[in-house]
Protein backbone atom coordinates (compact mmCIF):
# COMPACT_ATOMS: atom_id res chain seq x y z
CA UNK A 1 0.00 0.00 0.00
CA UNK A 2 2.25 2.67 -1.24
CA UNK A 3 2.54 5.24 -3.96
CA UNK A 4 1.29 2.97 -6.72
CA UNK A 5 -1.95 2.01 -4.97
CA UNK A 6 -4.76 4.24 -6.27
CA UNK A 7 -6.98 3.25 -3.38
CA UNK A 8 -4.93 5.10 -0.76
CA UNK A 9 -4.52 8.82 -0.20
CA UNK A 10 -0.81 8.65 -1.05
CA UNK A 11 -1.59 6.79 -4.28
CA UNK A 12 -4.26 9.33 -5.21
CA UNK A 13 -1.79 12.18 -4.65
CA UNK A 14 0.80 10.52 -6.90
CA UNK A 15 -1.80 9.71 -9.59
CA UNK A 16 -3.23 13.27 -9.31
CA UNK A 17 -6.76 11.96 -9.01
CA UNK A 18 -9.59 12.41 -6.56
CA UNK A 19 -12.09 10.01 -5.06
CA UNK A 20 -13.35 8.60 -1.77
CA UNK A 21 -9.87 8.39 -0.26
CA UNK A 22 -8.89 11.91 -1.33
CA UNK A 23 -11.73 14.41 -1.52
CA UNK A 24 -11.67 18.00 -2.67
CA UNK A 25 -11.86 20.75 -0.11
CA UNK A 26 -15.34 22.22 0.08
CA UNK A 27 -15.74 25.92 -0.60
CA UNK A 28 -17.61 28.04 1.90
CA UNK A 29 -20.65 29.64 0.28
CA UNK A 30 -22.58 32.50 1.81
CA UNK A 31 -26.23 31.57 2.20
CA UNK A 32 -28.55 34.53 2.68
CA UNK A 33 -31.28 34.19 5.27
CA UNK A 34 -34.71 33.40 3.83
CA UNK A 35 -36.21 36.84 4.49
CA UNK A 36 -33.38 38.67 2.75
CA UNK A 37 -33.60 36.32 -0.20
CA UNK A 38 -37.22 37.20 -0.87
CA UNK A 39 -36.51 40.92 -0.63
CA UNK A 40 -33.52 40.61 -2.96
CA UNK A 41 -35.54 38.57 -5.46
CA UNK A 42 -38.37 41.12 -5.46
CA UNK A 43 -35.91 43.96 -6.01
CA UNK A 44 -34.28 42.08 -8.87
CA UNK A 45 -37.68 41.48 -10.50
CA UNK A 46 -38.49 45.19 -10.25
CA UNK A 47 -35.18 46.09 -11.88
CA UNK A 48 -35.77 43.64 -14.72
CA UNK A 49 -39.32 44.92 -15.26
CA UNK A 50 -38.10 48.53 -15.32
CA UNK A 51 -35.34 47.66 -17.78
CA UNK A 52 -37.83 45.89 -20.08
CA UNK A 53 -40.18 48.89 -19.97
CA UNK A 54 -37.34 51.27 -20.85
CA UNK A 55 -36.27 49.03 -23.70
CA UNK A 56 -39.83 48.91 -25.10
CA UNK A 57 -40.07 52.72 -24.93
CA UNK A 58 -36.72 53.11 -26.66
CA UNK A 59 -37.70 50.67 -29.42
CA UNK A 60 -41.02 52.47 -29.91
CA UNK A 61 -39.24 55.85 -30.14
CA UNK A 62 -36.75 54.54 -32.68
CA UNK A 63 -39.55 52.98 -34.74
CA UNK A 64 -41.47 56.28 -34.73
CA UNK A 65 -38.39 58.19 -35.88
CA UNK A 66 -37.75 55.68 -38.66
CA UNK A 67 -41.37 55.92 -39.79
CA UNK A 68 -41.10 59.71 -39.95
CA UNK A 69 -37.86 59.46 -41.91
CA UNK A 70 -39.48 57.08 -44.39
CA UNK A 71 -42.42 59.42 -44.90
CA UNK A 72 -40.11 62.40 -45.43
CA UNK A 73 -37.79 60.52 -47.72
CA UNK A 74 -40.58 59.13 -49.86
CA UNK A 75 -40.14 60.58 -53.33
CA UNK A 76 -43.01 60.74 -55.71
CA UNK A 77 -42.23 58.73 -58.78
CA UNK A 78 -43.03 60.43 -62.08
CA UNK A 79 -45.99 59.04 -63.92
CA UNK A 80 -45.18 58.26 -67.51
CA UNK A 81 -48.03 58.77 -69.88
CA UNK A 82 -48.40 56.06 -72.43
CA UNK A 83 -48.41 57.35 -75.96
CA UNK A 84 -50.95 55.89 -78.27
CA UNK A 85 -49.49 54.09 -81.18
CA UNK A 86 -50.33 55.38 -84.62
CA UNK A 87 -52.64 53.04 -86.45
CA UNK A 88 -50.72 50.55 -88.47
CA UNK A 89 -50.77 51.18 -92.19
CA UNK A 90 -52.13 48.16 -93.90
CA UNK A 91 -50.32 47.16 -97.00
CA UNK A 92 -52.50 45.96 -99.76
CA UNK A 93 -51.38 42.74 -101.17
CA UNK A 94 -51.19 42.62 -104.88
CA UNK A 95 -52.89 39.60 -106.24
CA UNK A 96 -51.30 38.16 -109.34
CA UNK A 97 -53.49 38.47 -112.36
CA UNK A 98 -54.91 35.18 -113.43
CA UNK A 99 -54.62 34.70 -117.11
CA UNK A 100 -57.34 32.78 -118.71
CA UNK A 101 -56.53 31.03 -121.86
CA UNK A 102 -59.19 30.36 -124.36
CA UNK A 103 -59.66 26.81 -125.12
C-alpha atoms as a PDB file:
ATOM      1  CA  UNK A   1       0.000   0.000   0.000  1.00  0.00           C
ATOM      2  CA  UNK A   2       2.246   2.671  -1.243  1.00  0.00           C
ATOM      3  CA  UNK A   3       2.543   5.241  -3.964  1.00  0.00           C
ATOM      4  CA  UNK A   4       1.288   2.969  -6.717  1.00  0.00           C
ATOM      5  CA  UNK A   5      -1.949   2.006  -4.970  1.00  0.00           C
ATOM      6  CA  UNK A   6      -4.761   4.244  -6.269  1.00  0.00           C
ATOM      7  CA  UNK A   7      -6.985   3.247  -3.377  1.00  0.00           C
ATOM      8  CA  UNK A   8      -4.926   5.102  -0.758  1.00  0.00           C
ATOM      9  CA  UNK A   9      -4.520   8.825  -0.204  1.00  0.00           C
ATOM     10  CA  UNK A  10      -0.812   8.647  -1.051  1.00  0.00           C
ATOM     11  CA  UNK A  11      -1.590   6.792  -4.285  1.00  0.00           C
ATOM     12  CA  UNK A  12      -4.259   9.330  -5.207  1.00  0.00           C
ATOM     13  CA  UNK A  13      -1.795  12.181  -4.651  1.00  0.00           C
ATOM     14  CA  UNK A  14       0.804  10.523  -6.896  1.00  0.00           C
ATOM     15  CA  UNK A  15      -1.796   9.713  -9.586  1.00  0.00           C
ATOM     16  CA  UNK A  16      -3.226  13.273  -9.307  1.00  0.00           C
ATOM     17  CA  UNK A  17      -6.762  11.963  -9.012  1.00  0.00           C
ATOM     18  CA  UNK A  18      -9.595  12.409  -6.563  1.00  0.00           C
ATOM     19  CA  UNK A  19     -12.091  10.013  -5.063  1.00  0.00           C
ATOM     20  CA  UNK A  20     -13.351   8.600  -1.767  1.00  0.00           C
ATOM     21  CA  UNK A  21      -9.868   8.385  -0.262  1.00  0.00           C
ATOM     22  CA  UNK A  22      -8.889  11.909  -1.330  1.00  0.00           C
ATOM     23  CA  UNK A  23     -11.728  14.406  -1.515  1.00  0.00           C
ATOM     24  CA  UNK A  24     -11.669  17.995  -2.671  1.00  0.00           C
ATOM     25  CA  UNK A  25     -11.857  20.747  -0.111  1.00  0.00           C
ATOM     26  CA  UNK A  26     -15.342  22.221   0.079  1.00  0.00           C
ATOM     27  CA  UNK A  27     -15.741  25.918  -0.602  1.00  0.00           C
ATOM     28  CA  UNK A  28     -17.610  28.035   1.897  1.00  0.00           C
ATOM     29  CA  UNK A  29     -20.646  29.640   0.284  1.00  0.00           C
ATOM     30  CA  UNK A  30     -22.584  32.500   1.810  1.00  0.00           C
ATOM     31  CA  UNK A  31     -26.231  31.571   2.198  1.00  0.00           C
ATOM     32  CA  UNK A  32     -28.546  34.526   2.676  1.00  0.00           C
ATOM     33  CA  UNK A  33     -31.277  34.191   5.275  1.00  0.00           C
ATOM     34  CA  UNK A  34     -34.713  33.403   3.834  1.00  0.00           C
ATOM     35  CA  UNK A  35     -36.211  36.837   4.491  1.00  0.00           C
ATOM     36  CA  UNK A  36     -33.382  38.672   2.749  1.00  0.00           C
ATOM     37  CA  UNK A  37     -33.596  36.316  -0.204  1.00  0.00           C
ATOM     38  CA  UNK A  38     -37.222  37.197  -0.869  1.00  0.00           C
ATOM     39  CA  UNK A  39     -36.513  40.922  -0.627  1.00  0.00           C
ATOM     40  CA  UNK A  40     -33.520  40.612  -2.957  1.00  0.00           C
ATOM     41  CA  UNK A  41     -35.539  38.573  -5.458  1.00  0.00           C
ATOM     42  CA  UNK A  42     -38.372  41.117  -5.455  1.00  0.00           C
ATOM     43  CA  UNK A  43     -35.907  43.959  -6.006  1.00  0.00           C
ATOM     44  CA  UNK A  44     -34.283  42.081  -8.867  1.00  0.00           C
ATOM     45  CA  UNK A  45     -37.677  41.480 -10.496  1.00  0.00           C
ATOM     46  CA  UNK A  46     -38.486  45.187 -10.246  1.00  0.00           C
ATOM     47  CA  UNK A  47     -35.177  46.090 -11.880  1.00  0.00           C
ATOM     48  CA  UNK A  48     -35.769  43.638 -14.718  1.00  0.00           C
ATOM     49  CA  UNK A  49     -39.318  44.924 -15.261  1.00  0.00           C
ATOM     50  CA  UNK A  50     -38.101  48.532 -15.320  1.00  0.00           C
ATOM     51  CA  UNK A  51     -35.341  47.664 -17.784  1.00  0.00           C
ATOM     52  CA  UNK A  52     -37.830  45.888 -20.076  1.00  0.00           C
ATOM     53  CA  UNK A  53     -40.185  48.890 -19.967  1.00  0.00           C
ATOM     54  CA  UNK A  54     -37.339  51.275 -20.846  1.00  0.00           C
ATOM     55  CA  UNK A  55     -36.274  49.030 -23.701  1.00  0.00           C
ATOM     56  CA  UNK A  56     -39.826  48.914 -25.104  1.00  0.00           C
ATOM     57  CA  UNK A  57     -40.075  52.715 -24.928  1.00  0.00           C
ATOM     58  CA  UNK A  58     -36.717  53.113 -26.655  1.00  0.00           C
ATOM     59  CA  UNK A  59     -37.701  50.669 -29.417  1.00  0.00           C
ATOM     60  CA  UNK A  60     -41.017  52.471 -29.911  1.00  0.00           C
ATOM     61  CA  UNK A  61     -39.242  55.845 -30.142  1.00  0.00           C
ATOM     62  CA  UNK A  62     -36.747  54.542 -32.683  1.00  0.00           C
ATOM     63  CA  UNK A  63     -39.545  52.981 -34.740  1.00  0.00           C
ATOM     64  CA  UNK A  64     -41.465  56.276 -34.733  1.00  0.00           C
ATOM     65  CA  UNK A  65     -38.388  58.193 -35.884  1.00  0.00           C
ATOM     66  CA  UNK A  66     -37.754  55.677 -38.661  1.00  0.00           C
ATOM     67  CA  UNK A  67     -41.375  55.921 -39.790  1.00  0.00           C
ATOM     68  CA  UNK A  68     -41.102  59.710 -39.952  1.00  0.00           C
ATOM     69  CA  UNK A  69     -37.864  59.462 -41.908  1.00  0.00           C
ATOM     70  CA  UNK A  70     -39.480  57.076 -44.394  1.00  0.00           C
ATOM     71  CA  UNK A  71     -42.423  59.418 -44.903  1.00  0.00           C
ATOM     72  CA  UNK A  72     -40.113  62.403 -45.426  1.00  0.00           C
ATOM     73  CA  UNK A  73     -37.790  60.516 -47.721  1.00  0.00           C
ATOM     74  CA  UNK A  74     -40.579  59.126 -49.862  1.00  0.00           C
ATOM     75  CA  UNK A  75     -40.138  60.585 -53.327  1.00  0.00           C
ATOM     76  CA  UNK A  76     -43.006  60.737 -55.705  1.00  0.00           C
ATOM     77  CA  UNK A  77     -42.228  58.726 -58.780  1.00  0.00           C
ATOM     78  CA  UNK A  78     -43.031  60.435 -62.076  1.00  0.00           C
ATOM     79  CA  UNK A  79     -45.992  59.045 -63.923  1.00  0.00           C
ATOM     80  CA  UNK A  80     -45.182  58.258 -67.514  1.00  0.00           C
ATOM     81  CA  UNK A  81     -48.031  58.767 -69.884  1.00  0.00           C
ATOM     82  CA  UNK A  82     -48.400  56.063 -72.429  1.00  0.00           C
ATOM     83  CA  UNK A  83     -48.413  57.346 -75.956  1.00  0.00           C
ATOM     84  CA  UNK A  84     -50.953  55.886 -78.269  1.00  0.00           C
ATOM     85  CA  UNK A  85     -49.490  54.092 -81.182  1.00  0.00           C
ATOM     86  CA  UNK A  86     -50.335  55.379 -84.620  1.00  0.00           C
ATOM     87  CA  UNK A  87     -52.643  53.038 -86.452  1.00  0.00           C
ATOM     88  CA  UNK A  88     -50.719  50.546 -88.466  1.00  0.00           C
ATOM     89  CA  UNK A  89     -50.774  51.177 -92.188  1.00  0.00           C
ATOM     90  CA  UNK A  90     -52.128  48.161 -93.896  1.00  0.00           C
ATOM     91  CA  UNK A  91     -50.321  47.156 -96.998  1.00  0.00           C
ATOM     92  CA  UNK A  92     -52.501  45.961 -99.764  1.00  0.00           C
ATOM     93  CA  UNK A  93     -51.379  42.738-101.174  1.00  0.00           C
ATOM     94  CA  UNK A  94     -51.186  42.617-104.882  1.00  0.00           C
ATOM     95  CA  UNK A  95     -52.889  39.598-106.240  1.00  0.00           C
ATOM     96  CA  UNK A  96     -51.298  38.160-109.337  1.00  0.00           C
ATOM     97  CA  UNK A  97     -53.493  38.466-112.356  1.00  0.00           C
ATOM     98  CA  UNK A  98     -54.912  35.179-113.435  1.00  0.00           C
ATOM     99  CA  UNK A  99     -54.617  34.698-117.105  1.00  0.00           C
ATOM    100  CA  UNK A 100     -57.340  32.776-118.707  1.00  0.00           C
ATOM    101  CA  UNK A 101     -56.534  31.027-121.864  1.00  0.00           C
ATOM    102  CA  UNK A 102     -59.186  30.362-124.359  1.00  0.00           C
ATOM    103  CA  UNK A 103     -59.659  26.811-125.118  1.00  0.00           C
END
